[in-house]
Structures are given as structure tokens and as C-alpha cells.
Amino acid sequence: MVHSRQATEALGLNTYAARTFVALVSLDEGTAQDVSEVAEVPQTRVYDAADELY
């Protein structure tokens, strides 16, 4: 996961967005809480990170 996160950060994503992206790719489906746990991002910031990805 570290290499994927470093690659996404190199594309200009902030740390939370990079972690959220990697978590979303690794999960088949899930809630914001699931993404938060996998990404190690506060649940309230998952929505902000998803907005940045959009």
C-alpha cells in the first residue's frame, strides 16, 4: 500500500486523498467507515478526500 500511496501523492493528491483512493481500489464495496479503517483516515475526512478525487 505504501508504494501505491506514494504514486498517487506524486500525481498531486494530498495524503488523505491518496490513502482514500488506495482504500477504494482495494475494497469491492464499503461504507465511509470501512474506507476510513482501511485508509487510516478520519471518517469525516473520507468525504473531503472523495470530493478531491472527483
C-alpha atoms as a PDB file:
ATOM      1  CA  MET A   1       0.000   0.000   0.000  1.00  0.00           C
ATOM      2  CA  VAL A   2       2.902   2.368   0.647  1.00  0.00           C
ATOM      3  CA  HIS A   3       4.076   2.305  -2.976  1.00  0.00           C
ATOM      4  CA  SER A   4       0.573   2.946  -4.299  1.00  0.00           C
ATOM      5  CA  ARG A   5       0.120   5.859  -1.902  1.00  0.00           C
ATOM      6  CA  GLN A   6       3.473   7.358  -2.929  1.00  0.00           C
ATOM      7  CA  ALA A   7       2.488   7.089  -6.588  1.00  0.00           C
ATOM      8  CA  THR A   8      -0.838   8.835  -6.030  1.00  0.00           C
ATOM      9  CA  GLU A   9       0.831  11.568  -3.992  1.00  0.00           C
ATOM     10  CA  ALA A  10       3.254  12.056  -6.898  1.00  0.00           C
ATOM     11  CA  LEU A  11       0.175  12.782  -9.026  1.00  0.00           C
ATOM     12  CA  GLY A  12      -0.624  15.713  -6.756  1.00  0.00           C
ATOM     13  CA  LEU A  13      -3.121  14.164  -4.352  1.00  0.00           C
ATOM     14  CA  ASN A  14      -2.880  15.054  -0.684  1.00  0.00           C
ATOM     15  CA  THR A  15      -2.185  12.262   1.801  1.00  0.00           C
ATOM     16  CA  TYR A  16      -5.828  11.683   2.762  1.00  0.00           C
ATOM     17  CA  ALA A  17      -6.943  11.588  -0.866  1.00  0.00           C
ATOM     18  CA  ALA A  18      -4.116   9.222  -1.776  1.00  0.00           C
ATOM     19  CA  ARG A  19      -4.928   6.888   1.109  1.00  0.00           C
ATOM     20  CA  THR A  20      -8.642   7.053   0.308  1.00  0.00           C
ATOM     21  CA  PHE A  21      -8.005   6.224  -3.351  1.00  0.00           C
ATOM     22  CA  VAL A  22      -5.916   3.166  -2.470  1.00  0.00           C
ATOM     23  CA  ALA A  23      -8.562   2.000   0.010  1.00  0.00           C
ATOM     24  CA  LEU A  24     -11.364   2.435  -2.524  1.00  0.00           C
ATOM     25  CA  VAL A  25      -9.465   0.410  -5.101  1.00  0.00           C
ATOM     26  CA  SER A  26      -8.760  -2.368  -2.614  1.00  0.00           C
ATOM     27  CA  LEU A  27     -12.358  -2.618  -1.350  1.00  0.00           C
ATOM     28  CA  ASP A  28     -15.033  -4.164  -3.510  1.00  0.00           C
ATOM     29  CA  GLU A  29     -17.647  -2.100  -1.688  1.00  0.00           C
ATOM     30  CA  GLY A  30     -17.996  -0.445   1.676  1.00  0.00           C
ATOM     31  CA  THR A  31     -19.088   2.457   3.763  1.00  0.00           C
ATOM     32  CA  ALA A  32     -17.180   5.594   4.680  1.00  0.00           C
ATOM     33  CA  GLN A  33     -16.329   3.841   7.935  1.00  0.00           C
ATOM     34  CA  ASP A  34     -14.849   0.883   6.020  1.00  0.00           C
ATOM     35  CA  VAL A  35     -12.774   3.228   3.859  1.00  0.00           C
ATOM     36  CA  SER A  36     -11.697   5.142   6.959  1.00  0.00           C
ATOM     37  CA  GLU A  37     -10.449   1.993   8.647  1.00  0.00           C
ATOM     38  CA  VAL A  38      -8.559   0.710   5.606  1.00  0.00           C
ATOM     39  CA  ALA A  39      -7.138   4.110   4.674  1.00  0.00           C
ATOM     40  CA  GLU A  40      -6.365   5.179   8.238  1.00  0.00           C
ATOM     41  CA  VAL A  41      -8.129   8.471   7.504  1.00  0.00           C
ATOM     42  CA  PRO A  42     -10.638  10.054   9.898  1.00  0.00           C
ATOM     43  CA  GLN A  43     -14.139   9.134   8.741  1.00  0.00           C
ATOM     44  CA  THR A  44     -15.176  12.784   8.468  1.00  0.00           C
ATOM     45  CA  ARG A  45     -12.262  13.413   6.075  1.00  0.00           C
ATOM     46  CA  VAL A  46     -13.140  10.489   3.781  1.00  0.00           C
ATOM     47  CA  TYR A  47     -15.859  12.640   2.201  1.00  0.00           C
ATOM     48  CA  ASP A  48     -13.431  15.532   1.596  1.00  0.00           C
ATOM     49  CA  ALA A  49     -10.908  13.144   0.112  1.00  0.00           C
ATOM     50  CA  ALA A  50     -13.549  11.611  -2.157  1.00  0.00           C
ATOM     51  CA  ASP A  51     -14.509  15.101  -3.341  1.00  0.00           C
ATOM     52  CA  GLU A  52     -10.867  15.761  -4.213  1.00  0.00           C
ATOM     53  CA  LEU A  53     -10.772  12.535  -6.220  1.00  0.00           C
ATOM     54  CA  TYR A  54     -13.893  13.507  -8.120  1.00  0.00           C
END
